[in-house]
Protein backbone atom coordinates (compact mmCIF):
# COMPACT_ATOMS: atom_id res chain seq x y z
CA MET A 1 -38.93 -24.42 16.10
CA VAL A 2 -35.99 -26.81 16.44
CA TRP A 3 -35.02 -26.29 12.79
CA LYS A 4 -35.16 -22.55 13.31
CA LYS A 5 -32.72 -22.81 16.24
CA ILE A 6 -30.41 -25.05 14.24
CA GLY A 7 -30.44 -22.64 11.28
CA LYS A 8 -29.74 -19.69 13.55
CA ALA A 9 -26.88 -21.59 15.23
CA LEU A 10 -25.38 -22.42 11.84
CA LEU A 11 -25.71 -18.94 10.36
CA PHE A 12 -24.81 -17.08 13.56
CA PRO A 13 -22.33 -19.27 15.46
CA HIS A 14 -20.56 -18.04 18.59
CA ILE A 15 -17.75 -15.58 17.90
CA ALA A 16 -15.18 -18.03 19.38
CA ILE A 17 -16.23 -20.66 16.84
CA MET A 18 -16.04 -18.12 14.01
CA ILE A 19 -12.51 -17.11 15.02
CA LEU A 20 -11.50 -20.78 15.17
CA LEU A 21 -13.00 -21.43 11.73
CA VAL A 22 -10.75 -18.86 10.01
CA PRO A 23 -7.37 -20.60 10.52
CA LEU A 24 -8.99 -24.04 10.20
CA ALA A 25 -10.57 -23.22 6.83
CA THR A 26 -7.37 -21.52 5.66
CA VAL A 27 -5.17 -24.51 6.52
CA PHE A 28 -7.56 -26.95 4.84
CA LEU A 29 -7.91 -24.78 1.75
CA VAL A 30 -4.17 -24.13 1.32
CA GLY A 31 -3.36 -27.77 2.04
CA SER A 32 -5.83 -29.00 -0.55
CA MET A 33 -4.43 -26.58 -3.17
CA LEU A 34 -0.85 -27.64 -2.48
CA PHE A 35 -1.10 -31.37 -1.88
CA MET A 36 -4.53 -32.62 -3.04
CA GLY A 37 -6.28 -32.71 -6.36
CA THR A 38 -9.12 -30.31 -6.99
CA GLU A 39 -11.62 -33.19 -7.07
CA SER A 40 -10.40 -35.09 -4.01
CA PRO A 41 -12.86 -35.49 -1.09
CA ILE A 42 -10.63 -33.46 1.22
CA ALA A 43 -10.47 -30.62 -1.32
CA ILE A 44 -14.27 -30.59 -1.65
CA VAL A 45 -14.64 -30.49 2.15
CA SER A 46 -12.14 -27.61 2.32
CA TYR A 47 -14.12 -25.66 -0.30
CA VAL A 48 -17.38 -26.19 1.61
CA LEU A 49 -15.75 -25.21 4.91
CA ALA A 50 -14.23 -22.07 3.37
CA ALA A 51 -17.57 -21.11 1.82
CA TYR A 52 -19.38 -21.65 5.12
CA THR A 53 -16.79 -19.60 7.04
CA LEU A 54 -17.08 -16.72 4.57
CA THR A 55 -20.91 -16.86 4.70
CA ALA A 56 -20.96 -16.85 8.50
CA TRP A 57 -18.65 -13.83 8.66
CA CYS A 58 -20.74 -12.01 6.05
CA PHE A 59 -23.87 -12.50 8.18
CA LYS A 60 -21.94 -11.26 11.20
CA THR A 61 -20.64 -8.12 9.46
CA PRO A 62 -23.47 -5.74 10.53
CA TYR A 63 -23.01 -6.76 14.19
CA LEU A 64 -19.23 -6.30 13.91
CA ILE A 65 -19.71 -2.82 12.44
CA GLN A 66 -21.96 -1.86 15.35
CA PHE A 67 -19.47 -3.33 17.84
CA PHE A 68 -16.53 -1.36 16.45
CA LYS A 69 -18.62 1.82 16.35
CA ARG A 70 -19.46 1.41 20.04
CA PHE A 71 -15.83 0.58 20.83
CA LYS A 72 -14.64 3.68 18.95
CA ASN A 73 -17.06 5.93 20.82
CA GLU A 74 -16.60 4.41 24.29
CA ASN A 75 -12.87 3.61 24.42
CA LYS A 76 -10.75 6.69 25.20
CA TYR A 77 -7.69 5.40 23.31
CA ALA A 78 -9.78 4.67 20.24
CA ARG A 79 -11.22 8.20 20.44
CA ILE A 80 -7.72 9.68 20.71
CA TRP A 81 -6.62 7.70 17.64
CA GLN A 82 -9.73 8.73 15.72
CA ASP A 83 -9.56 12.44 16.63
CA ASP A 84 -5.78 13.00 16.47
CA THR A 85 -4.92 13.18 12.77
CA ARG A 86 -1.35 14.20 13.52
CA LEU A 87 -0.85 11.06 15.64
CA ARG A 88 -2.11 8.81 12.84
CA VAL A 89 0.13 10.50 10.27
CA ASN A 90 3.17 10.25 12.56
CA VAL A 91 2.61 6.56 13.24
CA SER A 92 2.21 5.94 9.52
CA LEU A 93 5.33 7.92 8.66
CA TYR A 94 7.51 6.32 11.35
CA SER A 95 6.49 2.78 10.40
CA SER A 96 6.88 3.45 6.66
CA LEU A 97 10.24 5.14 7.28
CA ALA A 98 11.56 2.14 9.20
CA TRP A 99 10.30 -0.35 6.61
CA ASN A 100 11.57 1.61 3.58
CA THR A 101 14.99 2.14 5.18
CA LEU A 102 15.51 -1.50 6.15
CA TYR A 103 14.20 -2.84 2.84
CA GLY A 104 16.21 -0.32 0.83
CA ILE A 105 19.44 -1.15 2.69
CA PHE A 106 18.77 -4.86 2.18
CA GLN A 107 18.29 -4.38 -1.57
CA LEU A 108 21.45 -2.25 -1.80
CA TRP A 109 23.38 -4.99 0.01
CA LEU A 110 22.03 -7.57 -2.45
CA GLY A 111 23.11 -5.32 -5.31
CA PHE A 112 26.60 -5.02 -3.86
CA TYR A 113 26.83 -8.74 -3.05
CA HIS A 114 25.58 -9.94 -6.45
CA ARG A 115 27.08 -6.97 -8.32
CA THR A 116 23.87 -6.23 -10.20
CA PHE A 117 22.06 -2.96 -10.90
CA TRP A 118 18.73 -4.75 -10.54
CA PHE A 119 18.83 -4.90 -6.74
CA SER A 120 20.68 -1.59 -6.57
CA SER A 121 17.89 0.19 -8.44
CA LEU A 122 15.29 -1.33 -6.12
CA GLY A 123 17.35 -0.22 -3.13
CA ALA A 124 17.75 3.29 -4.52
CA TYR A 125 13.99 3.59 -5.03
CA TYR A 126 13.13 2.64 -1.45
CA ILE A 127 15.95 4.72 0.02
CA CYS A 128 14.57 7.77 -1.85
CA LEU A 129 11.14 7.00 -0.42
CA ALA A 130 12.65 6.74 3.06
CA VAL A 131 14.45 10.08 2.64
CA MET A 132 11.20 11.74 1.64
CA ARG A 133 9.40 10.36 4.69
CA PHE A 134 12.29 11.41 6.93
CA PHE A 135 11.85 15.00 5.72
CA LEU A 136 8.16 14.83 6.51
CA VAL A 137 8.38 13.20 9.94
CA GLN A 138 10.91 15.83 11.02
CA HIS A 139 8.17 18.40 10.56
CA THR A 140 5.09 16.49 11.78
CA ARG A 141 6.67 15.51 15.12
CA LYS A 142 7.36 19.20 15.94
CA TYR A 143 4.51 21.16 14.43
CA ALA A 144 0.76 20.85 14.01
CA PRO A 145 -0.67 20.99 10.48
CA GLY A 146 -0.70 24.56 9.16
CA GLU A 147 1.38 25.92 12.06
CA LYS A 148 4.46 26.56 9.88
CA MET A 149 2.97 26.82 6.43
CA GLN A 150 6.11 28.13 4.75
CA ARG A 151 8.16 25.18 6.02
CA GLU A 152 5.42 22.80 4.97
CA LEU A 153 5.43 24.20 1.44
CA ILE A 154 9.24 23.96 1.23
CA LYS A 155 9.14 20.30 2.30
CA TYR A 156 6.20 19.66 -0.02
CA ARG A 157 8.17 21.03 -2.96
CA ALA A 158 11.29 19.10 -1.90
CA CYS A 159 9.26 15.90 -1.94
CA GLY A 160 8.41 16.64 -5.57
CA TRP A 161 12.13 16.68 -6.39
CA VAL A 162 12.58 13.42 -4.48
CA PHE A 163 9.81 11.92 -6.62
CA LEU A 164 11.83 12.81 -9.71
CA LEU A 165 14.87 11.01 -8.28
CA MET A 166 12.69 8.03 -7.43
CA ASN A 167 11.46 7.96 -11.00
CA LEU A 168 15.04 7.50 -12.26
CA ALA A 169 15.36 4.38 -10.11
CA LEU A 170 11.92 3.25 -11.29
CA ALA A 171 12.98 3.71 -14.92
CA LEU A 172 15.90 1.33 -14.29
CA ILE A 173 13.56 -1.22 -12.70
CA ILE A 174 11.23 -1.06 -15.72
CA PHE A 175 14.21 -1.36 -18.08
CA PHE A 176 15.45 -4.49 -16.33
CA MET A 177 11.94 -5.99 -16.36
CA VAL A 178 11.37 -5.34 -20.04
CA TYR A 179 14.80 -5.61 -21.66
CA TRP A 180 16.42 -8.29 -19.49
CA SER A 181 13.15 -10.05 -18.53
CA ARG A 182 13.89 -9.66 -14.81
CA THR A 183 10.63 -10.56 -13.13
CA PHE A 184 9.36 -11.87 -9.79
CA GLU A 185 8.27 -15.48 -9.39
CA HIS A 186 6.43 -16.69 -6.30
CA HIS A 187 4.19 -19.54 -5.27
CA MET A 188 0.54 -19.24 -6.27
CA ILE A 189 -0.63 -18.69 -2.66
CA THR A 190 2.03 -16.01 -2.14
CA ALA A 191 0.98 -14.30 -5.38
CA ILE A 192 -2.67 -14.25 -4.29
CA ALA A 193 -1.69 -12.78 -0.91
CA MET A 194 0.42 -10.16 -2.70
CA ALA A 195 -2.56 -9.27 -4.89
CA ALA A 196 -4.83 -8.81 -1.87
CA TYR A 197 -2.26 -6.63 -0.12
CA THR A 198 -1.49 -4.54 -3.22
CA PHE A 199 -5.11 -3.77 -4.08
CA THR A 200 -5.83 -2.93 -0.43
CA ALA A 201 -2.79 -0.63 -0.28
CA LEU A 202 -3.72 1.08 -3.56
CA THR A 203 -7.34 1.61 -2.52
CA THR A 204 -6.30 2.97 0.88
CA ALA A 205 -3.71 5.28 -0.71
CA LEU A 206 -6.23 6.70 -3.19
CA VAL A 207 -8.81 7.29 -0.44
CA ASN A 208 -6.23 8.97 1.82
CA VAL A 209 -4.93 11.26 -0.94
CA ILE A 210 -8.45 12.65 -1.31
CA LYS A 211 -9.35 12.48 2.39
CA TYR A 212 -6.31 14.34 3.71
CA ARG A 213 -6.71 17.27 1.32
CA ARG A 214 -9.31 18.73 3.68
CA TYR A 215 -6.68 19.36 6.35
CA ASN A 216 -4.97 21.94 4.11
CA SER A 217 -1.55 20.59 5.11
CA PRO A 218 1.04 20.18 2.33
CA VAL A 219 3.05 17.81 4.55
CA PHE A 220 0.04 15.54 5.10
CA SER A 221 -0.68 15.58 1.36
CA ALA A 222 2.95 14.75 0.57
CA SER A 223 2.93 11.79 2.98
CA LYS A 224 -0.13 10.31 1.30
CA ALA A 225 1.32 10.98 -2.16
CA GLY A 226 4.32 8.89 -1.09
CA SER A 227 2.02 6.05 -0.08
CA LEU A 228 0.29 6.28 -3.47
CA ALA A 229 3.63 6.13 -5.31
CA ALA A 230 4.66 3.06 -3.32
CA ALA A 231 1.31 1.38 -4.06
CA LEU A 232 1.65 2.10 -7.79
CA VAL A 233 5.09 0.45 -7.89
CA SER A 234 3.64 -2.51 -5.97
CA MET A 235 1.09 -2.83 -8.80
CA LEU A 236 3.94 -3.12 -11.30
CA THR A 237 5.63 -5.78 -9.16
CA LEU A 238 2.31 -7.61 -8.83
CA GLU A 239 1.74 -7.63 -12.58
CA SER A 240 5.20 -9.07 -13.12
CA THR A 241 4.53 -11.73 -10.48
CA MET A 242 1.15 -12.66 -11.96
CA LEU A 243 2.54 -12.99 -15.48
CA THR A 244 5.32 -15.26 -14.25
CA THR A 245 3.34 -17.30 -11.72
CA PHE A 246 0.10 -17.82 -13.64
CA GLY A 247 1.50 -17.74 -17.17
CA ASP A 248 0.03 -20.64 -19.16
CA GLY A 249 1.86 -20.08 -22.43
CA THR A 250 -0.97 -18.20 -24.15
CA MET A 251 0.99 -14.94 -23.97
CA THR A 252 4.36 -14.72 -25.68
CA ALA A 253 7.44 -13.21 -24.07
CA VAL A 254 7.18 -10.21 -26.39
CA GLN A 255 3.56 -9.61 -25.39
CA GLN A 256 4.50 -9.79 -21.72
CA LYS A 257 7.28 -7.26 -22.28
CA TRP A 258 4.87 -4.89 -24.04
CA MET A 259 2.37 -5.22 -21.19
CA LEU A 260 5.00 -4.59 -18.52
CA GLY A 261 6.43 -1.70 -20.53
CA ALA A 262 3.00 -0.09 -20.94
CA THR A 263 2.15 -0.45 -17.25
CA GLY A 264 5.59 0.72 -16.16
CA GLY A 265 5.46 3.70 -18.51
CA THR A 266 2.03 4.72 -17.20
CA ILE A 267 3.14 4.46 -13.58
CA SER A 268 6.34 6.40 -14.33
CA PHE A 269 4.28 9.11 -16.05
CA LEU A 270 1.92 9.36 -13.06
CA ILE A 271 4.81 9.73 -10.61
CA VAL A 272 6.43 12.41 -12.79
CA ALA A 273 3.07 14.19 -13.03
CA MET A 274 2.74 14.12 -9.22
CA ALA A 275 6.30 15.45 -8.88
CA VAL A 276 5.75 18.31 -11.33
CA TYR A 277 2.43 19.18 -9.68
CA MET A 278 3.99 19.28 -6.21
CA ILE A 279 6.92 21.41 -7.38
CA ALA A 280 4.70 23.82 -9.32
CA VAL A 281 2.02 24.16 -6.63
CA GLY A 282 4.59 24.42 -3.84
CA THR A 283 6.49 27.16 -5.68
CA LYS A 284 3.31 29.07 -6.52
CA LYS A 285 1.95 28.98 -2.97
CA LEU A 286 5.34 29.94 -1.53
CA LYS A 287 5.44 33.03 -3.74
CA ILE A 288 1.90 33.99 -2.69
CA LEU A 289 2.74 33.45 0.99
CA GLN A 290 5.97 35.45 0.76
CA SER A 291 4.13 38.24 -1.04
CA GLU A 292 1.47 38.35 1.69
CA VAL A 293 4.14 38.49 4.42
CA LYS A 294 5.95 41.27 2.57
CA ASN A 295 2.74 43.31 2.15
CA ALA A 296 1.86 42.79 5.82
CA LYS A 297 5.25 44.22 6.89
CA GLN A 298 4.68 47.28 4.73
């Protein structure tokens, strides 16, 4: 009976202890990777502590899911957030707009300061993304989805043209990566964090592109297409970082260039395909809508 209580206490510790374990295990694990050898006693303890923390949270996951479900159903603000799709899209667009604008201006300033097209091309890419989101947020803050379908289709098609402009900046980025070997180099921990963020962003973007199609709103679809394009470019940056940070000499510089070129070319093709699709579909639906309005007047 005593052993059963001890086992339950170890596998299902109090939530305060679990929250405390997360930063503690992280600090020990990062510290052992940076300053200790992989076989040192402190490193071994950090591995065991990290494994225990992960196991405890895994056992707690079903209870956390039930808690958040109850919170979502019982809290009025959580219900508003869950039920108001327009609110979620607006918050996403405003935050992305602010981030893309600030980051794009910063990259343009670096390009001007260092007099290099490398930073200028990065700045141009993010400024184009910010312009696209500015077009969209102008509409979503005034109108509900489907309320002004003709305007939505015009903005949807315009976003396709912005994607084409973005692709020109992306082509310059790929050129600098491949021809001039301009890559990103970060610490191993930073690279791992970037990988976690990038894969999360890409997965979320793919899910949202499919999920938001059911609202039949071209503006909503365009906003999620922008998130997907940003996530795809983050994948290219991540690949460059991984090749530089974790390169062990087994891959030659030429092989790395071919890999970056192939990935960059694929991403560029996907963005162009999205742009052409948005322009073609937007134009087609606009013609149908205008024809229906004309027939209704007759």
